[in-house]
Amino acid sequence: MSVSVRFYLFVDDGLQRISQRLMQGLAHGNDAMPQYAGTKQKAADVIVEVENGKPVRIAKADGNFLTFDKKGQVHRDLVAGGMEAMETFAALERAERRPSSKVVDLAPKLKREKWERDNRWTLSKQDLDLISDDIWKRKRAPTPKVPTSQGSCSESASFDVRGKASHPRNPKPYLRD
């Protein structure tokens, strides 16, 4: 059994799918989503077990926040959040290894909890239902089809007539968003 990773954005007008190519470009600082410039949006990373090319079950779904800068990029915030995650986790581990005493330093635990509040959120059953509907292509009456979110590339990409593109740093063609 193999796995597939899906990315979703929960925005005011509903759930949007983010392609792996766009998410990779956002994470590496090559792409932007200017329509969300200056906002903090809920996102979900979903790991789906796949058998014979068909989704079998959702193995894991994590909620996080994407903070878009004034240009609609998230790279700097992702790097800062990643560094802070490592620092708060390491401090918490060090605090837990200290011998017990009458005085307990709560700072590492409180800082980690603040990081979790600022960077993570818990998906509700309704959120998971929306994602499931998209993965298994179910059509419920009140739920519209999940559109694929659009981004822009900071470097030029060339597109052929079939809608495939190649990026200057990655000559392998990818589907245009």
N, C-alpha and C. Protein backbone atom coordinates (compact mmCIF):
# COMPACT_ATOMS: atom_id res chain seq x y z
N MET A 1 0.85 -1.17 0.00
CA MET A 1 0.00 0.00 0.00
C MET A 1 0.90 1.24 0.00
N SER A 2 0.54 2.22 -0.80
CA SER A 2 1.30 3.46 -0.85
C SER A 2 0.48 4.59 -0.23
N VAL A 3 1.11 5.74 -0.12
CA VAL A 3 0.42 6.89 0.46
C VAL A 3 0.49 8.08 -0.50
N SER A 4 -0.46 8.96 -0.33
CA SER A 4 -0.52 10.20 -1.10
C SER A 4 -0.72 11.33 -0.11
N VAL A 5 -0.09 12.47 -0.37
CA VAL A 5 -0.25 13.63 0.50
C VAL A 5 -1.09 14.65 -0.23
N ARG A 6 -2.10 15.15 0.45
CA ARG A 6 -2.99 16.18 -0.11
C ARG A 6 -2.92 17.41 0.79
N PHE A 7 -3.09 18.57 0.17
CA PHE A 7 -3.06 19.83 0.91
C PHE A 7 -4.34 20.59 0.64
N TYR A 8 -4.89 21.18 1.69
CA TYR A 8 -6.14 21.93 1.58
C TYR A 8 -6.01 23.25 2.31
N LEU A 9 -6.78 24.23 1.83
CA LEU A 9 -6.85 25.55 2.43
C LEU A 9 -8.31 25.82 2.77
N PHE A 10 -8.57 26.21 4.01
CA PHE A 10 -9.92 26.57 4.46
C PHE A 10 -10.02 28.09 4.43
N VAL A 11 -10.68 28.61 3.40
CA VAL A 11 -10.80 30.06 3.24
C VAL A 11 -12.26 30.48 3.36
N ASP A 12 -12.51 31.78 3.35
CA ASP A 12 -13.87 32.30 3.55
C ASP A 12 -14.88 31.70 2.58
N ASP A 13 -14.48 31.49 1.34
CA ASP A 13 -15.43 30.97 0.36
C ASP A 13 -15.40 29.44 0.25
N GLY A 14 -14.82 28.76 1.24
CA GLY A 14 -14.88 27.30 1.29
C GLY A 14 -13.52 26.62 1.21
N LEU A 15 -13.58 25.32 1.09
CA LEU A 15 -12.38 24.48 1.03
C LEU A 15 -11.76 24.55 -0.36
N GLN A 16 -10.44 24.68 -0.40
CA GLN A 16 -9.72 24.67 -1.68
C GLN A 16 -8.57 23.69 -1.59
N ARG A 17 -8.36 22.95 -2.65
CA ARG A 17 -7.24 22.01 -2.74
C ARG A 17 -6.01 22.78 -3.22
N ILE A 18 -4.86 22.50 -2.63
CA ILE A 18 -3.59 23.07 -3.08
C ILE A 18 -2.79 21.94 -3.70
N SER A 19 -2.37 22.11 -4.94
CA SER A 19 -1.59 21.07 -5.61
C SER A 19 -0.25 20.89 -4.90
N GLN A 20 0.33 19.71 -5.06
CA GLN A 20 1.63 19.46 -4.45
C GLN A 20 2.68 20.39 -5.04
N ARG A 21 2.57 20.66 -6.33
CA ARG A 21 3.52 21.55 -6.99
C ARG A 21 3.45 22.96 -6.41
N LEU A 22 2.24 23.47 -6.19
CA LEU A 22 2.08 24.80 -5.62
C LEU A 22 2.55 24.82 -4.17
N MET A 23 2.21 23.79 -3.39
CA MET A 23 2.64 23.76 -1.99
C MET A 23 4.16 23.71 -1.89
N GLN A 24 4.79 22.95 -2.77
CA GLN A 24 6.26 22.89 -2.79
C GLN A 24 6.84 24.26 -3.14
N GLY A 25 6.24 24.92 -4.13
CA GLY A 25 6.70 26.26 -4.50
C GLY A 25 6.52 27.27 -3.39
N LEU A 26 5.41 27.17 -2.66
CA LEU A 26 5.18 28.06 -1.51
C LEU A 26 6.23 27.80 -0.42
N ALA A 27 6.45 26.53 -0.12
CA ALA A 27 7.39 26.16 0.95
C ALA A 27 8.82 26.59 0.62
N HIS A 28 9.18 26.57 -0.65
CA HIS A 28 10.54 26.93 -1.06
C HIS A 28 10.69 28.41 -1.40
N GLY A 29 9.60 29.17 -1.32
CA GLY A 29 9.66 30.60 -1.59
C GLY A 29 9.62 30.96 -3.06
N ASN A 30 9.31 30.00 -3.93
CA ASN A 30 9.26 30.28 -5.37
C ASN A 30 7.89 30.75 -5.83
N ASP A 31 6.84 30.41 -5.11
CA ASP A 31 5.48 30.75 -5.52
C ASP A 31 4.81 31.60 -4.46
N ALA A 32 3.73 32.22 -4.86
CA ALA A 32 2.95 33.06 -3.95
C ALA A 32 1.47 32.88 -4.26
N MET A 33 0.64 33.25 -3.32
CA MET A 33 -0.81 33.29 -3.51
C MET A 33 -1.24 34.70 -3.13
N PRO A 34 -1.07 35.65 -4.07
CA PRO A 34 -1.33 37.05 -3.74
C PRO A 34 -2.76 37.33 -3.28
N GLN A 35 -3.71 36.47 -3.65
CA GLN A 35 -5.09 36.67 -3.21
C GLN A 35 -5.23 36.54 -1.69
N TYR A 36 -4.22 35.96 -1.01
CA TYR A 36 -4.27 35.82 0.45
C TYR A 36 -3.20 36.67 1.14
N ALA A 37 -2.61 37.62 0.42
CA ALA A 37 -1.55 38.47 0.98
C ALA A 37 -2.02 39.14 2.27
N GLY A 38 -1.15 39.09 3.29
CA GLY A 38 -1.45 39.74 4.56
C GLY A 38 -2.46 39.02 5.43
N THR A 39 -2.74 37.73 5.14
CA THR A 39 -3.73 37.00 5.93
C THR A 39 -3.11 35.74 6.54
N LYS A 40 -3.81 35.20 7.51
CA LYS A 40 -3.45 33.92 8.13
C LYS A 40 -4.61 32.97 7.83
N GLN A 41 -4.33 31.87 7.14
CA GLN A 41 -5.37 30.95 6.70
C GLN A 41 -5.18 29.57 7.32
N LYS A 42 -6.30 28.90 7.58
CA LYS A 42 -6.25 27.52 8.04
C LYS A 42 -5.91 26.61 6.87
N ALA A 43 -5.04 25.64 7.12
CA ALA A 43 -4.66 24.67 6.09
C ALA A 43 -4.68 23.28 6.71
N ALA A 44 -4.69 22.27 5.87
CA ALA A 44 -4.65 20.88 6.35
C ALA A 44 -3.71 20.07 5.46
N ASP A 45 -2.88 19.26 6.10
CA ASP A 45 -2.02 18.30 5.42
C ASP A 45 -2.66 16.94 5.67
N VAL A 46 -2.98 16.22 4.60
CA VAL A 46 -3.71 14.97 4.73
C VAL A 46 -2.92 13.84 4.07
N ILE A 47 -2.68 12.78 4.83
CA ILE A 47 -2.01 11.59 4.29
C ILE A 47 -3.07 10.54 4.02
N VAL A 48 -3.13 10.10 2.75
CA VAL A 48 -4.15 9.15 2.31
C VAL A 48 -3.48 7.86 1.90
N GLU A 49 -3.95 6.74 2.43
CA GLU A 49 -3.47 5.43 1.98
C GLU A 49 -4.14 5.11 0.65
N VAL A 50 -3.33 4.65 -0.31
CA VAL A 50 -3.81 4.39 -1.66
C VAL A 50 -3.48 2.95 -2.03
N GLU A 51 -4.46 2.28 -2.63
CA GLU A 51 -4.26 0.91 -3.10
C GLU A 51 -4.76 0.82 -4.55
N ASN A 52 -3.90 0.36 -5.43
CA ASN A 52 -4.22 0.28 -6.86
C ASN A 52 -4.71 1.62 -7.41
N GLY A 53 -4.07 2.70 -6.97
CA GLY A 53 -4.41 4.02 -7.48
C GLY A 53 -5.68 4.63 -6.90
N LYS A 54 -6.32 3.95 -5.98
CA LYS A 54 -7.57 4.46 -5.39
C LYS A 54 -7.38 4.70 -3.89
N PRO A 55 -7.94 5.81 -3.39
CA PRO A 55 -7.82 6.09 -1.95
C PRO A 55 -8.57 5.05 -1.13
N VAL A 56 -7.93 4.60 -0.05
CA VAL A 56 -8.52 3.59 0.82
C VAL A 56 -8.98 4.21 2.14
N ARG A 57 -8.09 5.01 2.76
CA ARG A 57 -8.46 5.66 4.01
C ARG A 57 -7.55 6.84 4.28
N ILE A 58 -8.03 7.74 5.10
CA ILE A 58 -7.21 8.86 5.56
C ILE A 58 -6.39 8.35 6.74
N ALA A 59 -5.08 8.34 6.58
CA ALA A 59 -4.20 7.85 7.64
C ALA A 59 -3.95 8.93 8.69
N LYS A 60 -3.86 10.19 8.24
CA LYS A 60 -3.56 11.27 9.17
C LYS A 60 -4.00 12.59 8.55
N ALA A 61 -4.52 13.48 9.37
CA ALA A 61 -4.91 14.82 8.92
C ALA A 61 -4.50 15.82 10.00
N ASP A 62 -3.65 16.75 9.64
CA ASP A 62 -3.17 17.75 10.58
C ASP A 62 -3.58 19.14 10.12
N GLY A 63 -4.06 19.93 11.06
CA GLY A 63 -4.40 21.32 10.77
C GLY A 63 -3.25 22.24 11.16
N ASN A 64 -2.96 23.19 10.31
CA ASN A 64 -1.92 24.17 10.59
C ASN A 64 -2.35 25.51 9.99
N PHE A 65 -1.58 26.53 10.24
CA PHE A 65 -1.88 27.85 9.70
C PHE A 65 -0.80 28.25 8.70
N LEU A 66 -1.23 28.88 7.61
CA LEU A 66 -0.30 29.48 6.66
C LEU A 66 -0.45 31.00 6.81
N THR A 67 0.64 31.66 7.16
CA THR A 67 0.63 33.11 7.30
C THR A 67 1.28 33.70 6.06
N PHE A 68 0.47 34.39 5.26
CA PHE A 68 0.92 34.97 4.01
C PHE A 68 1.44 36.39 4.25
N ASP A 69 2.60 36.70 3.70
CA ASP A 69 3.15 38.05 3.83
C ASP A 69 2.46 38.99 2.84
N LYS A 70 2.96 40.21 2.71
CA LYS A 70 2.30 41.20 1.86
C LYS A 70 2.34 40.84 0.38
N LYS A 71 3.22 39.91 0.00
CA LYS A 71 3.30 39.45 -1.39
C LYS A 71 2.52 38.14 -1.60
N GLY A 72 2.02 37.56 -0.52
CA GLY A 72 1.30 36.29 -0.63
C GLY A 72 2.21 35.08 -0.51
N GLN A 73 3.40 35.27 0.05
CA GLN A 73 4.34 34.17 0.23
C GLN A 73 4.31 33.70 1.69
N VAL A 74 4.67 32.43 1.90
CA VAL A 74 4.66 31.86 3.25
C VAL A 74 6.02 31.32 3.68
N HIS A 75 6.99 31.33 2.80
CA HIS A 75 8.29 30.71 3.06
C HIS A 75 8.95 31.18 4.35
N ARG A 76 9.06 32.49 4.53
CA ARG A 76 9.74 33.02 5.72
C ARG A 76 9.03 32.60 7.01
N ASP A 77 7.70 32.64 6.99
CA ASP A 77 6.94 32.24 8.18
C ASP A 77 7.10 30.74 8.45
N LEU A 78 7.14 29.92 7.39
CA LEU A 78 7.34 28.48 7.59
C LEU A 78 8.70 28.20 8.20
N VAL A 79 9.73 28.89 7.73
CA VAL A 79 11.08 28.70 8.28
C VAL A 79 11.11 29.12 9.74
N ALA A 80 10.56 30.30 10.04
CA ALA A 80 10.55 30.79 11.43
C ALA A 80 9.76 29.85 12.33
N GLY A 81 8.60 29.38 11.85
CA GLY A 81 7.79 28.45 12.64
C GLY A 81 8.48 27.12 12.87
N GLY A 82 9.21 26.65 11.86
CA GLY A 82 9.96 25.40 11.99
C GLY A 82 11.08 25.52 13.01
N MET A 83 11.79 26.64 12.97
CA MET A 83 12.85 26.87 13.95
C MET A 83 12.28 26.95 15.36
N GLU A 84 11.17 27.68 15.50
CA GLU A 84 10.54 27.82 16.82
C GLU A 84 10.03 26.46 17.31
N ALA A 85 9.53 25.63 16.40
CA ALA A 85 9.05 24.30 16.78
C ALA A 85 10.19 23.47 17.35
N MET A 86 11.33 23.50 16.67
CA MET A 86 12.49 22.74 17.15
C MET A 86 12.98 23.26 18.50
N GLU A 87 13.04 24.59 18.63
CA GLU A 87 13.53 25.18 19.88
C GLU A 87 12.60 24.85 21.05
N THR A 88 11.29 25.01 20.86
CA THR A 88 10.37 24.75 21.97
C THR A 88 10.32 23.27 22.32
N PHE A 89 10.44 22.40 21.32
CA PHE A 89 10.43 20.96 21.59
C PHE A 89 11.69 20.56 22.36
N ALA A 90 12.85 21.07 21.93
CA ALA A 90 14.11 20.74 22.61
C ALA A 90 14.10 21.25 24.05
N ALA A 91 13.60 22.47 24.27
CA ALA A 91 13.54 23.03 25.63
C ALA A 91 12.62 22.20 26.51
N LEU A 92 11.49 21.75 25.95
CA LEU A 92 10.56 20.93 26.72
C LEU A 92 11.19 19.59 27.08
N GLU A 93 11.91 18.99 26.14
CA GLU A 93 12.59 17.71 26.43
C GLU A 93 13.64 17.89 27.53
N ARG A 94 14.43 18.96 27.45
CA ARG A 94 15.45 19.21 28.48
C ARG A 94 14.78 19.38 29.84
N ALA A 95 13.68 20.10 29.90
CA ALA A 95 12.98 20.34 31.17
C ALA A 95 12.44 19.04 31.75
N GLU A 96 11.97 18.15 30.88
CA GLU A 96 11.42 16.88 31.37
C GLU A 96 12.50 15.93 31.85
N ARG A 97 13.74 16.10 31.39
CA ARG A 97 14.84 15.23 31.81
C ARG A 97 15.49 15.69 33.12
N ARG A 98 15.20 16.91 33.54
CA ARG A 98 15.78 17.42 34.78
C ARG A 98 15.24 16.63 35.96
N PRO A 99 16.08 16.44 36.95
CA PRO A 99 15.59 15.75 38.16
C PRO A 99 14.47 16.55 38.82
N SER A 100 13.52 15.86 39.38
CA SER A 100 12.38 16.54 40.00
C SER A 100 12.83 17.31 41.23
N SER A 101 12.19 18.45 41.43
CA SER A 101 12.49 19.27 42.59
C SER A 101 11.20 19.98 43.01
N LYS A 102 11.30 20.75 44.08
CA LYS A 102 10.12 21.45 44.58
C LYS A 102 9.75 22.63 43.67
N VAL A 103 10.74 23.16 42.96
CA VAL A 103 10.50 24.28 42.05
C VAL A 103 10.49 23.73 40.63
N VAL A 104 9.41 23.99 39.91
CA VAL A 104 9.26 23.49 38.55
C VAL A 104 9.22 24.69 37.59
N ASP A 105 10.04 24.63 36.56
CA ASP A 105 10.06 25.68 35.55
C ASP A 105 8.99 25.37 34.51
N LEU A 106 7.93 26.17 34.48
CA LEU A 106 6.83 25.96 33.54
C LEU A 106 7.05 26.63 32.19
N ALA A 107 8.08 27.46 32.07
CA ALA A 107 8.31 28.23 30.84
C ALA A 107 8.40 27.35 29.60
N PRO A 108 9.19 26.25 29.58
CA PRO A 108 9.26 25.44 28.37
C PRO A 108 7.90 24.87 27.94
N LYS A 109 7.12 24.40 28.92
CA LYS A 109 5.82 23.84 28.59
C LYS A 109 4.88 24.93 28.07
N LEU A 110 4.87 26.08 28.71
CA LEU A 110 4.00 27.18 28.29
C LEU A 110 4.39 27.70 26.90
N LYS A 111 5.69 27.79 26.61
CA LYS A 111 6.13 28.23 25.29
C LYS A 111 5.72 27.24 24.21
N ARG A 112 5.83 25.94 24.52
CA ARG A 112 5.43 24.93 23.53
C ARG A 112 3.92 24.98 23.30
N GLU A 113 3.15 25.14 24.35
CA GLU A 113 1.69 25.24 24.21
C GLU A 113 1.31 26.47 23.39
N LYS A 114 2.02 27.58 23.59
CA LYS A 114 1.76 28.79 22.80
C LYS A 114 2.09 28.53 21.33
N TRP A 115 3.20 27.85 21.07
CA TRP A 115 3.56 27.53 19.68
C TRP A 115 2.46 26.67 19.05
N GLU A 116 1.97 25.68 19.78
CA GLU A 116 0.90 24.82 19.27
C GLU A 116 -0.35 25.65 18.94
N ARG A 117 -0.74 26.55 19.83
CA ARG A 117 -1.92 27.40 19.59
C ARG A 117 -1.73 28.30 18.37
N ASP A 118 -0.52 28.83 18.21
CA ASP A 118 -0.24 29.76 17.10
C ASP A 118 -0.08 29.06 15.76
N ASN A 119 0.26 27.77 15.75
CA ASN A 119 0.63 27.09 14.52
C ASN A 119 -0.23 25.89 14.16
N ARG A 120 -1.03 25.40 15.07
CA ARG A 120 -1.83 24.19 14.82
C ARG A 120 -3.29 24.43 15.16
N TRP A 121 -4.16 23.67 14.53
CA TRP A 121 -5.58 23.67 14.88
C TRP A 121 -6.11 22.27 14.64
N THR A 122 -7.22 21.93 15.30
CA THR A 122 -7.79 20.60 15.22
C THR A 122 -8.94 20.61 14.22
N LEU A 123 -8.86 19.70 13.25
CA LEU A 123 -9.92 19.59 12.25
C LEU A 123 -11.18 19.01 12.90
N SER A 124 -12.31 19.59 12.58
CA SER A 124 -13.59 19.10 13.09
C SER A 124 -14.08 17.95 12.21
N LYS A 125 -15.14 17.29 12.64
CA LYS A 125 -15.74 16.23 11.83
C LYS A 125 -16.23 16.81 10.50
N GLN A 126 -16.79 18.02 10.53
CA GLN A 126 -17.27 18.68 9.32
C GLN A 126 -16.10 18.95 8.35
N ASP A 127 -14.95 19.41 8.89
CA ASP A 127 -13.77 19.64 8.05
C ASP A 127 -13.32 18.34 7.40
N LEU A 128 -13.26 17.27 8.19
CA LEU A 128 -12.84 15.96 7.66
C LEU A 128 -13.84 15.43 6.64
N ASP A 129 -15.14 15.70 6.86
CA ASP A 129 -16.16 15.29 5.88
C ASP A 129 -15.95 15.99 4.54
N LEU A 130 -15.64 17.30 4.58
CA LEU A 130 -15.38 18.04 3.34
C LEU A 130 -14.18 17.46 2.59
N ILE A 131 -13.12 17.16 3.33
CA ILE A 131 -11.93 16.57 2.72
C ILE A 131 -12.24 15.19 2.16
N SER A 132 -12.97 14.38 2.93
CA SER A 132 -13.36 13.04 2.47
C SER A 132 -14.19 13.11 1.20
N ASP A 133 -15.12 14.06 1.15
CA ASP A 133 -15.95 14.23 -0.05
C ASP A 133 -15.08 14.51 -1.26
N ASP A 134 -14.03 15.31 -1.08
CA ASP A 134 -13.14 15.60 -2.20
C ASP A 134 -12.32 14.37 -2.58
N ILE A 135 -11.77 13.68 -1.60
CA ILE A 135 -10.91 12.53 -1.88
C ILE A 135 -11.68 11.43 -2.59
N TRP A 136 -12.89 11.14 -2.11
CA TRP A 136 -13.68 10.05 -2.71
C TRP A 136 -14.69 10.57 -3.73
N LYS A 137 -14.56 11.86 -4.07
CA LYS A 137 -15.41 12.49 -5.10
C LYS A 137 -16.90 12.30 -4.85
N ARG A 138 -17.27 12.37 -3.56
CA ARG A 138 -18.69 12.30 -3.21
C ARG A 138 -19.30 13.66 -3.42
N LYS A 139 -20.53 13.66 -3.83
CA LYS A 139 -21.24 14.93 -4.06
C LYS A 139 -22.42 15.01 -3.11
N ARG A 140 -22.28 15.84 -2.11
CA ARG A 140 -23.38 16.09 -1.19
C ARG A 140 -24.06 17.36 -1.64
N ALA A 141 -25.36 17.44 -1.46
CA ALA A 141 -26.14 18.59 -1.94
C ALA A 141 -25.59 19.94 -1.49
N PRO A 142 -25.31 20.17 -0.17
CA PRO A 142 -24.87 21.51 0.23
C PRO A 142 -23.39 21.79 -0.03
N THR A 143 -22.61 20.78 -0.44
CA THR A 143 -21.18 20.95 -0.58
C THR A 143 -20.79 21.08 -2.04
N PRO A 144 -20.24 22.24 -2.45
CA PRO A 144 -19.81 22.38 -3.84
C PRO A 144 -18.51 21.61 -4.09
N LYS A 145 -18.19 21.41 -5.36
CA LYS A 145 -16.94 20.76 -5.74
C LYS A 145 -15.78 21.60 -5.20
N VAL A 146 -14.75 20.94 -4.69
CA VAL A 146 -13.60 21.63 -4.12
C VAL A 146 -12.70 22.12 -5.26
N PRO A 147 -12.55 23.44 -5.39
CA PRO A 147 -11.70 23.96 -6.46
C PRO A 147 -10.23 23.85 -6.08
N THR A 148 -9.36 23.83 -7.08
CA THR A 148 -7.93 23.85 -6.84
C THR A 148 -7.51 25.30 -6.71
N SER A 149 -6.79 25.62 -5.65
CA SER A 149 -6.35 26.98 -5.40
C SER A 149 -5.27 27.38 -6.40
N GLN A 150 -5.21 28.65 -6.73
CA GLN A 150 -4.26 29.17 -7.71
C GLN A 150 -3.14 29.93 -7.01
N GLY A 151 -1.97 29.88 -7.61
CA GLY A 151 -0.83 30.63 -7.12
C GLY A 151 -0.09 31.25 -8.28
N SER A 152 0.92 32.04 -7.97
CA SER A 152 1.74 32.62 -9.02
C SER A 152 3.19 32.30 -8.74
N CYS A 153 3.94 32.13 -9.81
CA CYS A 153 5.34 31.76 -9.70
C CYS A 153 6.18 33.03 -9.79
N SER A 154 7.18 33.15 -8.91
CA SER A 154 8.01 34.34 -8.92
C SER A 154 9.00 34.34 -10.08
N GLU A 155 9.27 33.16 -10.65
CA GLU A 155 10.13 33.07 -11.82
C GLU A 155 9.27 32.64 -12.99
N SER A 156 9.75 32.87 -14.18
CA SER A 156 8.95 32.53 -15.35
C SER A 156 8.89 31.01 -15.53
N ALA A 157 7.74 30.54 -15.93
CA ALA A 157 7.54 29.14 -16.26
C ALA A 157 6.92 29.12 -17.64
N SER A 158 7.32 28.17 -18.45
CA SER A 158 6.76 28.11 -19.80
C SER A 158 5.73 26.99 -19.87
N PHE A 159 4.64 27.24 -20.59
CA PHE A 159 3.55 26.29 -20.69
C PHE A 159 3.42 25.81 -22.12
N ASP A 160 3.18 24.50 -22.29
CA ASP A 160 2.93 24.00 -23.64
C ASP A 160 1.43 23.95 -23.89
N VAL A 161 1.01 23.56 -25.07
CA VAL A 161 -0.40 23.59 -25.44
C VAL A 161 -1.25 22.61 -24.64
N ARG A 162 -0.66 21.62 -24.01
CA ARG A 162 -1.42 20.66 -23.21
C ARG A 162 -1.61 21.13 -21.78
N GLY A 163 -1.14 22.35 -21.46
CA GLY A 163 -1.30 22.88 -20.11
C GLY A 163 -0.21 22.42 -19.16
N LYS A 164 0.86 21.83 -19.70
CA LYS A 164 1.97 21.43 -18.85
C LYS A 164 3.01 22.53 -18.86
N ALA A 165 3.74 22.64 -17.76
CA ALA A 165 4.73 23.70 -17.65
C ALA A 165 6.06 23.13 -17.21
N SER A 166 7.09 23.87 -17.49
CA SER A 166 8.38 23.53 -16.92
C SER A 166 8.91 24.77 -16.23
N HIS A 167 9.51 24.57 -15.10
CA HIS A 167 10.02 25.64 -14.27
C HIS A 167 11.52 25.75 -14.54
N PRO A 168 12.10 26.96 -14.52
CA PRO A 168 13.53 27.10 -14.79
C PRO A 168 14.41 26.25 -13.88
N ARG A 169 14.01 26.09 -12.61
CA ARG A 169 14.82 25.29 -11.68
C ARG A 169 14.48 23.81 -11.74
N ASN A 170 13.35 23.46 -12.34
CA ASN A 170 12.93 22.06 -12.42
C ASN A 170 12.42 21.81 -13.84
N PRO A 171 13.28 21.33 -14.73
CA PRO A 171 12.87 21.16 -16.12
C PRO A 171 11.83 20.08 -16.32
N LYS A 172 11.58 19.24 -15.32
CA LYS A 172 10.56 18.20 -15.45
C LYS A 172 9.19 18.86 -15.55
N PRO A 173 8.38 18.56 -16.55
CA PRO A 173 7.08 19.20 -16.69
C PRO A 173 6.16 18.91 -15.50
N TYR A 174 5.33 19.87 -15.16
CA TYR A 174 4.30 19.68 -14.15
C TYR A 174 3.00 20.27 -14.67
N LEU A 175 1.90 19.82 -14.12
CA LEU A 175 0.61 20.33 -14.55
C LEU A 175 0.41 21.75 -14.06
N ARG A 176 -0.13 22.57 -14.91
CA ARG A 176 -0.39 23.96 -14.54
C ARG A 176 -1.56 23.99 -13.58
N ASP A 177 -1.45 24.84 -12.55
CA ASP A 177 -2.54 25.00 -11.57
C ASP A 177 -3.65 25.80 -12.16
